[in-house]
Amino acid sequence: MGWIDFEGGSEMADDNLMNISADTYAQRELMASNVRRIRTLRGWSQEKLAQLAQIDRTHLARFETRAINISIDVMFRLAAALRVDATRLLTPQEEWPPVQDGED
């Protein structure tokens, strides 16, 4: 058994949850990296993206540095603000589909 950090606290986890956690952590890393990559490609500051997504800039900064998780609601708000489909945030860059109208 080990400890898993969740937004708002930590919990003991059994071995099955630890395996899921590794996958979840990898997805969080990928999503944070993709948000930062798209934001910087647009030339936007964290403050601008946070304003567009209607979240606190420190929340975005902590997410981009992998310090916290975000809710699915925040993920969709970030995707909308970035003008990309939410699935793009969870997809490795090399697998991104061609750009569609409304996406950069």
PDB file of N, CA and C in Angstrom:
ATOM      1  N   MET A   1       0.838  -1.188   0.000  1.00  0.00           N
ATOM      2  CA  MET A   1       0.000   0.000   0.000  1.00  0.00           C
ATOM      3  C   MET A   1       0.875   1.240   0.000  1.00  0.00           C
ATOM      4  N   GLY A   2       0.347   2.309  -0.564  1.00  0.00           N
ATOM      5  CA  GLY A   2       1.060   3.578  -0.579  1.00  0.00           C
ATOM      6  C   GLY A   2       0.085   4.730  -0.495  1.00  0.00           C
ATOM      7  N   TRP A   3       0.641   5.906  -0.473  1.00  0.00           N
ATOM      8  CA  TRP A   3      -0.175   7.122  -0.397  1.00  0.00           C
ATOM      9  C   TRP A   3      -0.376   7.698  -1.783  1.00  0.00           C
ATOM     10  N   ILE A   4      -1.571   8.181  -2.064  1.00  0.00           N
ATOM     11  CA  ILE A   4      -1.886   8.854  -3.321  1.00  0.00           C
ATOM     12  C   ILE A   4      -2.396  10.238  -2.968  1.00  0.00           C
ATOM     13  N   ASP A   5      -1.850  11.257  -3.637  1.00  0.00           N
ATOM     14  CA  ASP A   5      -2.310  12.620  -3.414  1.00  0.00           C
ATOM     15  C   ASP A   5      -3.491  12.918  -4.315  1.00  0.00           C
ATOM     16  N   PHE A   6      -4.546  13.414  -3.721  1.00  0.00           N
ATOM     17  CA  PHE A   6      -5.727  13.856  -4.441  1.00  0.00           C
ATOM     18  C   PHE A   6      -5.928  15.319  -4.129  1.00  0.00           C
ATOM     19  N   GLU A   7      -6.578  16.050  -5.021  1.00  0.00           N
ATOM     20  CA  GLU A   7      -6.917  17.438  -4.737  1.00  0.00           C
ATOM     21  C   GLU A   7      -7.695  17.455  -3.427  1.00  0.00           C
ATOM     22  N   GLY A   8      -7.196  18.185  -2.462  1.00  0.00           N
ATOM     23  CA  GLY A   8      -7.882  18.279  -1.191  1.00  0.00           C
ATOM     24  C   GLY A   8      -7.365  17.321  -0.142  1.00  0.00           C
ATOM     25  N   GLY A   9      -6.368  16.486  -0.428  1.00  0.00           N
ATOM     26  CA  GLY A   9      -5.850  15.608   0.596  1.00  0.00           C
ATOM     27  C   GLY A   9      -5.194  14.370   0.043  1.00  0.00           C
ATOM     28  N   SER A  10      -4.834  13.478   0.935  1.00  0.00           N
ATOM     29  CA  SER A  10      -4.196  12.224   0.565  1.00  0.00           C
ATOM     30  C   SER A  10      -4.999  11.074   1.128  1.00  0.00           C
ATOM     31  N   GLU A  11      -4.851   9.908   0.515  1.00  0.00           N
ATOM     32  CA  GLU A  11      -5.541   8.707   0.972  1.00  0.00           C
ATOM     33  C   GLU A  11      -4.627   7.524   0.820  1.00  0.00           C
ATOM     34  N   MET A  12      -4.838   6.528   1.673  1.00  0.00           N
ATOM     35  CA  MET A  12      -4.136   5.261   1.501  1.00  0.00           C
ATOM     36  C   MET A  12      -4.729   4.561   0.283  1.00  0.00           C
ATOM     37  N   ALA A  13      -3.890   3.871  -0.435  1.00  0.00           N
ATOM     38  CA  ALA A  13      -4.372   3.184  -1.637  1.00  0.00           C
ATOM     39  C   ALA A  13      -3.878   1.747  -1.631  1.00  0.00           C
ATOM     40  N   ASP A  14      -4.683   0.861  -2.192  1.00  0.00           N
ATOM     41  CA  ASP A  14      -4.218  -0.517  -2.340  1.00  0.00           C
ATOM     42  C   ASP A  14      -3.430  -0.629  -3.637  1.00  0.00           C
ATOM     43  N   ASP A  15      -2.856  -1.788  -3.882  1.00  0.00           N
ATOM     44  CA  ASP A  15      -1.994  -1.952  -5.051  1.00  0.00           C
ATOM     45  C   ASP A  15      -2.726  -1.717  -6.360  1.00  0.00           C
ATOM     46  N   ASN A  16      -3.992  -2.112  -6.476  1.00  0.00           N
ATOM     47  CA  ASN A  16      -4.745  -1.882  -7.712  1.00  0.00           C
ATOM     48  C   ASN A  16      -4.903  -0.403  -7.980  1.00  0.00           C
ATOM     49  N   LEU A  17      -5.194   0.370  -6.949  1.00  0.00           N
ATOM     50  CA  LEU A  17      -5.355   1.807  -7.120  1.00  0.00           C
ATOM     51  C   LEU A  17      -4.027   2.461  -7.456  1.00  0.00           C
ATOM     52  N   MET A  18      -2.940   1.939  -6.928  1.00  0.00           N
ATOM     53  CA  MET A  18      -1.620   2.486  -7.245  1.00  0.00           C
ATOM     54  C   MET A  18      -1.339   2.341  -8.736  1.00  0.00           C
ATOM     55  N   ASN A  19      -1.743   1.215  -9.347  1.00  0.00           N
ATOM     56  CA  ASN A  19      -1.552   1.035 -10.781  1.00  0.00           C
ATOM     57  C   ASN A  19      -2.382   2.025 -11.574  1.00  0.00           C
ATOM     58  N   ILE A  20      -3.605   2.245 -11.162  1.00  0.00           N
ATOM     59  CA  ILE A  20      -4.460   3.237 -11.810  1.00  0.00           C
ATOM     60  C   ILE A  20      -3.863   4.626 -11.634  1.00  0.00           C
ATOM     61  N   SER A  21      -3.350   4.879 -10.463  1.00  0.00           N
ATOM     62  CA  SER A  21      -2.772   6.178 -10.169  1.00  0.00           C
ATOM     63  C   SER A  21      -1.622   6.523 -11.114  1.00  0.00           C
ATOM     64  N   ALA A  22      -0.792   5.553 -11.453  1.00  0.00           N
ATOM     65  CA  ALA A  22       0.312   5.809 -12.375  1.00  0.00           C
ATOM     66  C   ALA A  22      -0.225   6.256 -13.724  1.00  0.00           C
ATOM     67  N   ASP A  23      -1.277   5.602 -14.208  1.00  0.00           N
ATOM     68  CA  ASP A  23      -1.895   6.005 -15.465  1.00  0.00           C
ATOM     69  C   ASP A  23      -2.522   7.393 -15.345  1.00  0.00           C
ATOM     70  N   THR A  24      -3.190   7.621 -14.232  1.00  0.00           N
ATOM     71  CA  THR A  24      -3.817   8.924 -14.002  1.00  0.00           C
ATOM     72  C   THR A  24      -2.760  10.014 -13.945  1.00  0.00           C
ATOM     73  N   TYR A  25      -1.663   9.744 -13.265  1.00  0.00           N
ATOM     74  CA  TYR A  25      -0.577  10.717 -13.178  1.00  0.00           C
ATOM     75  C   TYR A  25      -0.016  11.021 -14.566  1.00  0.00           C
ATOM     76  N   ALA A  26       0.145  10.000 -15.391  1.00  0.00           N
ATOM     77  CA  ALA A  26       0.654  10.208 -16.751  1.00  0.00           C
ATOM     78  C   ALA A  26      -0.311  11.074 -17.554  1.00  0.00           C
ATOM     79  N   GLN A  27      -1.612  10.835 -17.408  1.00  0.00           N
ATOM     80  CA  GLN A  27      -2.605  11.658 -18.119  1.00  0.00           C
ATOM     81  C   GLN A  27      -2.571  13.100 -17.620  1.00  0.00           C
ATOM     82  N   ARG A  28      -2.408  13.282 -16.308  1.00  0.00           N
ATOM     83  CA  ARG A  28      -2.330  14.646 -15.760  1.00  0.00           C
ATOM     84  C   ARG A  28      -1.091  15.351 -16.304  1.00  0.00           C
ATOM     85  N   GLU A  29       0.033  14.640 -16.373  1.00  0.00           N
ATOM     86  CA  GLU A  29       1.256  15.210 -16.938  1.00  0.00           C
ATOM     87  C   GLU A  29       1.043  15.636 -18.391  1.00  0.00           C
ATOM     88  N   LEU A  30       0.419  14.743 -19.165  1.00  0.00           N
ATOM     89  CA  LEU A  30       0.165  15.015 -20.576  1.00  0.00           C
ATOM     90  C   LEU A  30      -0.762  16.215 -20.739  1.00  0.00           C
ATOM     91  N   MET A  31      -1.833  16.249 -19.972  1.00  0.00           N
ATOM     92  CA  MET A  31      -2.790  17.346 -20.090  1.00  0.00           C
ATOM     93  C   MET A  31      -2.141  18.680 -19.709  1.00  0.00           C
ATOM     94  N   ALA A  32      -1.396  18.696 -18.627  1.00  0.00           N
ATOM     95  CA  ALA A  32      -0.733  19.931 -18.203  1.00  0.00           C
ATOM     96  C   ALA A  32       0.261  20.403 -19.264  1.00  0.00           C
ATOM     97  N   SER A  33       1.002  19.461 -19.825  1.00  0.00           N
ATOM     98  CA  SER A  33       1.964  19.794 -20.870  1.00  0.00           C
ATOM     99  C   SER A  33       1.269  20.351 -22.110  1.00  0.00           C
ATOM    100  N   ASN A  34       0.160  19.728 -22.505  1.00  0.00           N
ATOM    101  CA  ASN A  34      -0.573  20.193 -23.690  1.00  0.00           C
ATOM    102  C   ASN A  34      -1.196  21.562 -23.470  1.00  0.00           C
ATOM    103  N   VAL A  35      -1.744  21.804 -22.289  1.00  0.00           N
ATOM    104  CA  VAL A  35      -2.301  23.137 -21.995  1.00  0.00           C
ATOM    105  C   VAL A  35      -1.203  24.182 -22.108  1.00  0.00           C
ATOM    106  N   ARG A  36      -0.068  23.921 -21.476  1.00  0.00           N
ATOM    107  CA  ARG A  36       1.045  24.881 -21.526  1.00  0.00           C
ATOM    108  C   ARG A  36       1.537  25.068 -22.960  1.00  0.00           C
ATOM    109  N   ARG A  37       1.664  23.966 -23.709  1.00  0.00           N
ATOM    110  CA  ARG A  37       2.159  24.040 -25.094  1.00  0.00           C
ATOM    111  C   ARG A  37       1.230  24.892 -25.964  1.00  0.00           C
ATOM    112  N   ILE A  38      -0.065  24.630 -25.893  1.00  0.00           N
ATOM    113  CA  ILE A  38      -1.022  25.383 -26.713  1.00  0.00           C
ATOM    114  C   ILE A  38      -1.054  26.847 -26.273  1.00  0.00           C
ATOM    115  N   ARG A  39      -1.034  27.077 -24.962  1.00  0.00           N
ATOM    116  CA  ARG A  39      -1.052  28.450 -24.450  1.00  0.00           C
ATOM    117  C   ARG A  39       0.154  29.227 -24.956  1.00  0.00           C
ATOM    118  N   THR A  40       1.336  28.629 -24.891  1.00  0.00           N
ATOM    119  CA  THR A  40       2.537  29.349 -25.329  1.00  0.00           C
ATOM    120  C   THR A  40       2.574  29.509 -26.849  1.00  0.00           C
ATOM    121  N   LEU A  41       2.044  28.515 -27.594  1.00  0.00           N
ATOM    122  CA  LEU A  41       1.971  28.669 -29.050  1.00  0.00           C
ATOM    123  C   LEU A  41       1.105  29.860 -29.446  1.00  0.00           C
ATOM    124  N   ARG A  42       0.096  30.134 -28.646  1.00  0.00           N
ATOM    125  CA  ARG A  42      -0.776  31.279 -28.902  1.00  0.00           C
ATOM    126  C   ARG A  42      -0.158  32.595 -28.416  1.00  0.00           C
ATOM    127  N   GLY A  43       0.931  32.480 -27.665  1.00  0.00           N
ATOM    128  CA  GLY A  43       1.575  33.675 -27.131  1.00  0.00           C
ATOM    129  C   GLY A  43       0.841  34.253 -25.931  1.00  0.00           C
ATOM    130  N   TRP A  44       0.068  33.419 -25.260  1.00  0.00           N
ATOM    131  CA  TRP A  44      -0.736  33.872 -24.126  1.00  0.00           C
ATOM    132  C   TRP A  44      -0.010  33.658 -22.811  1.00  0.00           C
ATOM    133  N   SER A  45      -0.227  34.580 -21.906  1.00  0.00           N
ATOM    134  CA  SER A  45       0.263  34.417 -20.539  1.00  0.00           C
ATOM    135  C   SER A  45      -0.701  33.505 -19.787  1.00  0.00           C
ATOM    136  N   GLN A  46      -0.254  33.022 -18.636  1.00  0.00           N
ATOM    137  CA  GLN A  46      -1.156  32.246 -17.782  1.00  0.00           C
ATOM    138  C   GLN A  46      -2.340  33.116 -17.365  1.00  0.00           C
ATOM    139  N   GLU A  47      -2.068  34.383 -17.129  1.00  0.00           N
ATOM    140  CA  GLU A  47      -3.144  35.284 -16.707  1.00  0.00           C
ATOM    141  C   GLU A  47      -4.227  35.404 -17.779  1.00  0.00           C
ATOM    142  N   LYS A  48      -3.811  35.519 -19.049  1.00  0.00           N
ATOM    143  CA  LYS A  48      -4.803  35.634 -20.120  1.00  0.00           C
ATOM    144  C   LYS A  48      -5.644  34.358 -20.234  1.00  0.00           C
ATOM    145  N   LEU A  49      -4.988  33.191 -20.239  1.00  0.00           N
ATOM    146  CA  LEU A  49      -5.741  31.948 -20.341  1.00  0.00           C
ATOM    147  C   LEU A  49      -6.664  31.772 -19.135  1.00  0.00           C
ATOM    148  N   ALA A  50      -6.175  32.069 -17.953  1.00  0.00           N
ATOM    149  CA  ALA A  50      -6.994  31.942 -16.747  1.00  0.00           C
ATOM    150  C   ALA A  50      -8.225  32.846 -16.839  1.00  0.00           C
ATOM    151  N   GLN A  51      -8.032  34.046 -17.337  1.00  0.00           N
ATOM    152  CA  GLN A  51      -9.160  34.969 -17.488  1.00  0.00           C
ATOM    153  C   GLN A  51     -10.180  34.411 -18.485  1.00  0.00           C
ATOM    154  N   LEU A  52      -9.709  33.925 -19.613  1.00  0.00           N
ATOM    155  CA  LEU A  52     -10.612  33.372 -20.627  1.00  0.00           C
ATOM    156  C   LEU A  52     -11.352  32.132 -20.127  1.00  0.00           C
ATOM    157  N   ALA A  53     -10.662  31.314 -19.318  1.00  0.00           N
ATOM    158  CA  ALA A  53     -11.268  30.086 -18.795  1.00  0.00           C
ATOM    159  C   ALA A  53     -12.032  30.331 -17.496  1.00  0.00           C
ATOM    160  N   GLN A  54     -11.969  31.540 -17.009  1.00  0.00           N
ATOM    161  CA  GLN A  54     -12.648  31.929 -15.768  1.00  0.00           C
ATOM    162  C   GLN A  54     -12.196  31.081 -14.577  1.00  0.00           C
ATOM    163  N   ILE A  55     -10.864  30.963 -14.468  1.00  0.00           N
ATOM    164  CA  ILE A  55     -10.270  30.314 -13.299  1.00  0.00           C
ATOM    165  C   ILE A  55      -9.184  31.236 -12.749  1.00  0.00           C
ATOM    166  N   ASP A  56      -8.768  30.985 -11.536  1.00  0.00           N
ATOM    167  CA  ASP A  56      -7.717  31.782 -10.922  1.00  0.00           C
ATOM    168  C   ASP A  56      -6.374  31.451 -11.569  1.00  0.00           C
ATOM    169  N   ARG A  57      -5.556  32.480 -11.803  1.00  0.00           N
ATOM    170  CA  ARG A  57      -4.256  32.275 -12.438  1.00  0.00           C
ATOM    171  C   ARG A  57      -3.372  31.341 -11.617  1.00  0.00           C
ATOM    172  N   THR A  58      -3.425  31.440 -10.297  1.00  0.00           N
ATOM    173  CA  THR A  58      -2.592  30.558  -9.476  1.00  0.00           C
ATOM    174  C   THR A  58      -3.036  29.097  -9.605  1.00  0.00           C
ATOM    175  N   HIS A  59      -4.325  28.886  -9.805  1.00  0.00           N
ATOM    176  CA  HIS A  59      -4.838  27.522 -10.023  1.00  0.00           C
ATOM    177  C   HIS A  59      -4.244  26.960 -11.319  1.00  0.00           C
ATOM    178  N   LEU A  60      -4.254  27.774 -12.378  1.00  0.00           N
ATOM    179  CA  LEU A  60      -3.672  27.355 -13.655  1.00  0.00           C
ATOM    180  C   LEU A  60      -2.174  27.103 -13.505  1.00  0.00           C
ATOM    181  N   ALA A  61      -1.478  27.987 -12.829  1.00  0.00           N
ATOM    182  CA  ALA A  61      -0.031  27.830 -12.645  1.00  0.00           C
ATOM    183  C   ALA A  61       0.278  26.549 -11.888  1.00  0.00           C
ATOM    184  N   ARG A  62      -0.464  26.265 -10.848  1.00  0.00           N
ATOM    185  CA  ARG A  62      -0.232  25.053 -10.064  1.00  0.00           C
ATOM    186  C   ARG A  62      -0.558  23.804 -10.889  1.00  0.00           C
ATOM    187  N   PHE A  63      -1.568  23.890 -11.755  1.00  0.00           N
ATOM    188  CA  PHE A  63      -1.879  22.760 -12.633  1.00  0.00           C
ATOM    189  C   PHE A  63      -0.761  22.546 -13.651  1.00  0.00           C
ATOM    190  N   GLU A  64      -0.314  23.623 -14.301  1.00  0.00           N
ATOM    191  CA  GLU A  64       0.735  23.499 -15.316  1.00  0.00           C
ATOM    192  C   GLU A  64       2.035  22.954 -14.733  1.00  0.00           C
ATOM    193  N   THR A  65       2.274  23.179 -13.456  1.00  0.00           N
ATOM    194  CA  THR A  65       3.485  22.660 -12.815  1.00  0.00           C
ATOM    195  C   THR A  65       3.227  21.328 -12.126  1.00  0.00           C
ATOM    196  N   ARG A  66       2.056  20.753 -12.380  1.00  0.00           N
ATOM    197  CA  ARG A  66       1.656  19.423 -11.890  1.00  0.00           C
ATOM    198  C   ARG A  66       1.517  19.357 -10.372  1.00  0.00           C
ATOM    199  N   ALA A  67       1.276  20.492  -9.731  1.00  0.00           N
ATOM    200  CA  ALA A  67       1.130  20.519  -8.273  1.00  0.00           C
ATOM    201  C   ALA A  67      -0.271  20.106  -7.837  1.00  0.00           C
ATOM    202  N   ILE A  68      -1.260  20.275  -8.729  1.00  0.00           N
ATOM    203  CA  ILE A  68      -2.650  19.948  -8.394  1.00  0.00           C
ATOM    204  C   ILE A  68      -3.329  19.278  -9.570  1.00  0.00           C
ATOM    205  N   ASN A  69      -4.442  18.637  -9.289  1.00  0.00           N
ATOM    206  CA  ASN A  69      -5.345  18.119 -10.323  1.00  0.00           C
ATOM    207  C   ASN A  69      -6.365  19.199 -10.640  1.00  0.00           C
ATOM    208  N   ILE A  70      -7.032  19.056 -11.766  1.00  0.00           N
ATOM    209  CA  ILE A  70      -8.155  19.942 -12.066  1.00  0.00           C
ATOM    210  C   ILE A  70      -9.395  19.087 -12.273  1.00  0.00           C
ATOM    211  N   SER A  71     -10.539  19.709 -12.128  1.00  0.00           N
ATOM    212  CA  SER A  71     -11.797  18.992 -12.353  1.00  0.00           C
ATOM    213  C   SER A  71     -12.044  18.873 -13.853  1.00  0.00           C
ATOM    214  N   ILE A  72     -12.946  17.996 -14.207  1.00  0.00           N
ATOM    215  CA  ILE A  72     -13.310  17.859 -15.614  1.00  0.00           C
ATOM    216  C   ILE A  72     -13.958  19.146 -16.124  1.00  0.00           C
ATOM    217  N   ASP A  73     -14.680  19.854 -15.254  1.00  0.00           N
ATOM    218  CA  ASP A  73     -15.277  21.129 -15.646  1.00  0.00           C
ATOM    219  C   ASP A  73     -14.202  22.133 -16.042  1.00  0.00           C
ATOM    220  N   VAL A  74     -13.131  22.208 -15.261  1.00  0.00           N
ATOM    221  CA  VAL A  74     -12.038  23.126 -15.570  1.00  0.00           C
ATOM    222  C   VAL A  74     -11.334  22.692 -16.849  1.00  0.00           C
ATOM    223  N   MET A  75     -11.175  21.383 -17.050  1.00  0.00           N
ATOM    224  CA  MET A  75     -10.568  20.899 -18.279  1.00  0.00           C
ATOM    225  C   MET A  75     -11.367  21.385 -19.500  1.00  0.00           C
ATOM    226  N   PHE A  76     -12.690  21.284 -19.435  1.00  0.00           N
ATOM    227  CA  PHE A  76     -13.514  21.735 -20.562  1.00  0.00           C
ATOM    228  C   PHE A  76     -13.449  23.252 -20.729  1.00  0.00           C
ATOM    229  N   ARG A  77     -13.366  23.991 -19.638  1.00  0.00           N
ATOM    230  CA  ARG A  77     -13.245  25.455 -19.748  1.00  0.00           C
ATOM    231  C   ARG A  77     -11.902  25.836 -20.365  1.00  0.00           C
ATOM    232  N   LEU A  78     -10.833  25.131 -19.983  1.00  0.00           N
ATOM    233  CA  LEU A  78      -9.528  25.402 -20.590  1.00  0.00           C
ATOM    234  C   LEU A  78      -9.550  25.082 -22.080  1.00  0.00           C
ATOM    235  N   ALA A  79     -10.120  23.951 -22.445  1.00  0.00           N
ATOM    236  CA  ALA A  79     -10.202  23.583 -23.866  1.00  0.00           C
ATOM    237  C   ALA A  79     -10.985  24.631 -24.652  1.00  0.00           C
ATOM    238  N   ALA A  80     -12.110  25.077 -24.108  1.00  0.00           N
ATOM    239  CA  ALA A  80     -12.914  26.089 -24.795  1.00  0.00           C
ATOM    240  C   ALA A  80     -12.132  27.393 -24.938  1.00  0.00           C
ATOM    241  N   ALA A  81     -11.455  27.793 -23.888  1.00  0.00           N
ATOM    242  CA  ALA A  81     -10.669  29.027 -23.938  1.00  0.00           C
ATOM    243  C   ALA A  81      -9.532  28.910 -24.952  1.00  0.00           C
ATOM    244  N   LEU A  82      -8.926  27.736 -25.029  1.00  0.00           N
ATOM    245  CA  LEU A  82      -7.837  27.503 -25.986  1.00  0.00           C
ATOM    246  C   LEU A  82      -8.337  27.250 -27.404  1.00  0.00           C
ATOM    247  N   ARG A  83      -9.654  27.092 -27.550  1.00  0.00           N
ATOM    248  CA  ARG A  83     -10.303  26.839 -28.836  1.00  0.00           C
ATOM    249  C   ARG A  83      -9.853  25.517 -29.451  1.00  0.00           C
ATOM    250  N   VAL A  84      -9.808  24.484 -28.597  1.00  0.00           N
ATOM    251  CA  VAL A  84      -9.494  23.132 -29.059  1.00  0.00           C
ATOM    252  C   VAL A  84     -10.507  22.173 -28.451  1.00  0.00           C
ATOM    253  N   ASP A  85     -10.666  21.027 -29.078  1.00  0.00           N
ATOM    254  CA  ASP A  85     -11.494  19.974 -28.504  1.00  0.00           C
ATOM    255  C   ASP A  85     -10.801  19.457 -27.257  1.00  0.00           C
ATOM    256  N   ALA A  86     -11.567  19.145 -26.232  1.00  0.00           N
ATOM    257  CA  ALA A  86     -10.993  18.678 -24.967  1.00  0.00           C
ATOM    258  C   ALA A  86     -10.144  17.424 -25.144  1.00  0.00           C
ATOM    259  N   THR A  87     -10.478  16.590 -26.131  1.00  0.00           N
ATOM    260  CA  THR A  87      -9.677  15.378 -26.340  1.00  0.00           C
ATOM    261  C   THR A  87      -8.242  15.706 -26.729  1.00  0.00           C
ATOM    262  N   ARG A  88      -8.029  16.862 -27.316  1.00  0.00           N
ATOM    263  CA  ARG A  88      -6.663  17.251 -27.691  1.00  0.00           C
ATOM    264  C   ARG A  88      -5.789  17.422 -26.453  1.00  0.00           C
ATOM    265  N   LEU A  89      -6.392  17.815 -25.343  1.00  0.00           N
ATOM    266  CA  LEU A  89      -5.618  17.995 -24.117  1.00  0.00           C
ATOM    267  C   LEU A  89      -5.130  16.665 -23.550  1.00  0.00           C
ATOM    268  N   LEU A  90      -5.776  15.583 -23.944  1.00  0.00           N
ATOM    269  CA  LEU A  90      -5.439  14.249 -23.427  1.00  0.00           C
ATOM    270  C   LEU A  90      -4.718  13.381 -24.451  1.00  0.00           C
ATOM    271  N   THR A  91      -4.326  13.981 -25.572  1.00  0.00           N
ATOM    272  CA  THR A  91      -3.715  13.241 -26.675  1.00  0.00           C
ATOM    273  C   THR A  91      -2.266  13.695 -26.854  1.00  0.00           C
ATOM    274  N   PRO A  92      -1.327  12.749 -26.966  1.00  0.00           N
ATOM    275  CA  PRO A  92       0.058  13.140 -27.239  1.00  0.00           C
ATOM    276  C   PRO A  92       0.144  13.991 -28.505  1.00  0.00           C
ATOM    277  N   GLN A  93       1.016  14.979 -28.493  1.00  0.00           N
ATOM    278  CA  GLN A  93       1.107  15.928 -29.602  1.00  0.00           C
ATOM    279  C   GLN A  93       1.290  15.233 -30.950  1.00  0.00           C
ATOM    280  N   GLU A  94       2.083  14.166 -30.985  1.00  0.00           N
ATOM    281  CA  GLU A  94       2.335  13.500 -32.268  1.00  0.00           C
ATOM    282  C   GLU A  94       1.089  12.817 -32.823  1.00  0.00           C
ATOM    283  N   GLU A  95       0.063  12.650 -31.991  1.00  0.00           N
ATOM    284  CA  GLU A  95      -1.186  12.039 -32.446  1.00  0.00           C
ATOM    285  C   GLU A  95      -2.289  13.065 -32.691  1.00  0.00           C
ATOM    286  N   TRP A  96      -1.976  14.354 -32.564  1.00  0.00           N
ATOM    287  CA  TRP A  96      -3.003  15.370 -32.772  1.00  0.00           C
ATOM    288  C   TRP A  96      -3.531  15.304 -34.198  1.00  0.00           C
ATOM    289  N   PRO A  97      -4.858  15.406 -34.349  1.00  0.00           N
ATOM    290  CA  PRO A  97      -5.423  15.441 -35.697  1.00  0.00           C
ATOM    291  C   PRO A  97      -5.090  16.764 -36.381  1.00  0.00           C
ATOM    292  N   PRO A  98      -5.297  16.815 -37.693  1.00  0.00           N
ATOM    293  CA  PRO A  98      -5.070  18.091 -38.377  1.00  0.00           C
ATOM    294  C   PRO A  98      -5.928  19.187 -37.765  1.00  0.00           C
ATOM    295  N   VAL A  99      -5.461  20.408 -37.882  1.00  0.00           N
ATOM    296  CA  VAL A  99      -6.202  21.557 -37.339  1.00  0.00           C
ATOM    297  C   VAL A  99      -7.522  21.728 -38.083  1.00  0.00           C
ATOM    298  N   GLN A 100      -8.582  21.928 -37.310  1.00  0.00           N
ATOM    299  CA  GLN A 100      -9.911  22.159 -37.870  1.00  0.00           C
ATOM    300  C   GLN A 100     -10.232  23.656 -37.800  1.00  0.00           C
ATOM    301  N   ASP A 101     -11.262  24.092 -38.518  1.00  0.00           N
ATOM    302  CA  ASP A 101     -11.686  25.487 -38.415  1.00  0.00           C
ATOM    303  C   ASP A 101     -11.957  25.815 -36.959  1.00  0.00           C
ATOM    304  N   GLY A 102     -11.477  26.975 -36.517  1.00  0.00           N
ATOM    305  CA  GLY A 102     -11.675  27.402 -35.142  1.00  0.00           C
ATOM    306  C   GLY A 102     -10.566  26.968 -34.217  1.00  0.00           C
ATOM    307  N   GLU A 103      -9.661  26.103 -34.685  1.00  0.00           N
ATOM    308  CA  GLU A 103      -8.521  25.682 -33.890  1.00  0.00           C
ATOM    309  C   GLU A 103      -7.263  26.218 -34.567  1.00  0.00           C
ATOM    310  N   ASP A 104      -6.280  26.489 -33.773  1.00  0.00           N
ATOM    311  CA  ASP A 104      -4.973  26.939 -34.332  1.00  0.00           C
ATOM    312  C   ASP A 104      -3.975  25.840 -34.217  1.00  0.00           C
TER     313      ASP A 104
END
